[in-house]
Amino acid sequence: MTEEEIRSAVALAVEALREKNPMAPSITNTVTQDFVANAQLAVGGSAAMLYMPDECESIAKIAPAFYINMGTAMPFYAETLPRAAKALHENQTPWVLDPVGIGLASLRTEILKQLKIFKPSIVRGNASEIIALAKLWELIEDVGGQVRGVDSTEKVSSAKASAIELAKFTGGAVAVSGEEDFVTDGKEEIQCAGGSELFTKITGSGCALGGVMAVYAAVASPFIAALTATTMFNLAGIKAAAQAPKPASFKVNFLDNLYELKSAEVAENFRVVGSFENLFNGLFRSGYEN
């Protein structure tokens, strides 16, 4: 895509979401449900938090987009997540996968193995999670990296190859969150700077980002949805950190800034460098790795 096309698509996604107000139901970490829902609402989407197998499967058949986060691995998720993902795949519904805590226990591993065939539209995670998922799905070999709870032990740069292979496999997009985020569809490669280190001082910023990607996936392609959500988080994070340099007030100001961002403002928050690499402008480094 040309620079003009990328800018136009991002701006259109911001406007379309606020106009259409689509719902992207979420199966997400119980600790972060409130933040995920409020972030989805702030950008113009609608939210619903789910977890029961039959409920998730039924709503997955009619929702315009969906978010699956592995954060709280309940025993019944062994049934819930594959059933929901299968329904999404069969209905060609865009959905976002966040493989939080991959490798921590056998339940997560077995569920994620099953989700491979249903090919998520967007995969979002920190560097360690993206590397681990690409390895679990046998898309790369001989890679290192460990996951420490929901935190990354790897730099974003080390996960680029894994992200590209995941995107090529799914036919969608992959977003790696960290000090400098990376978004790819397997062809385009974009590095995104911005946000604030205060993202590491609050719970659920990564989960909220995944939820926002999901609502954007209801109105835009996976690549543009992941890119738009990442750009908005970085820009809102910059503004919130300038207004409120402490965690609690930062979180409130962050949601306010998400709500107030203009489409043109979001679309102008990056510049294209060369024909293959895109670099987002930003005053602060982002830090939402959990």
Foldseek 3Di string as FASTA:
>chain_A
DDLVVLLVQLLVLLVVLQVPQFEAEEAEAPVCPVVQQLLCVLSRHGYDYDDDQVVLLVVLLPGQFYEYECQDPDPCVLRRVLSNLVNNLVNVHAYEYELFPPPVDDSSLVSLCSNLVSQHQEYEAAQQRLVSSLVSVPQDDDDDFDDDGRFGPDHNVSRVVSQLSSLVSRQHKYWHDAQWIWIDNNFAIETHFAAAQLLVVDPDPRVSLNSQLRSSVSPHGSRSSNLSSRLLRRVLRRVLCVVDVHNPSSSVSSSVSSNPDRSSNSSPQWAQDPDRYTYGDYDGGHGNRD
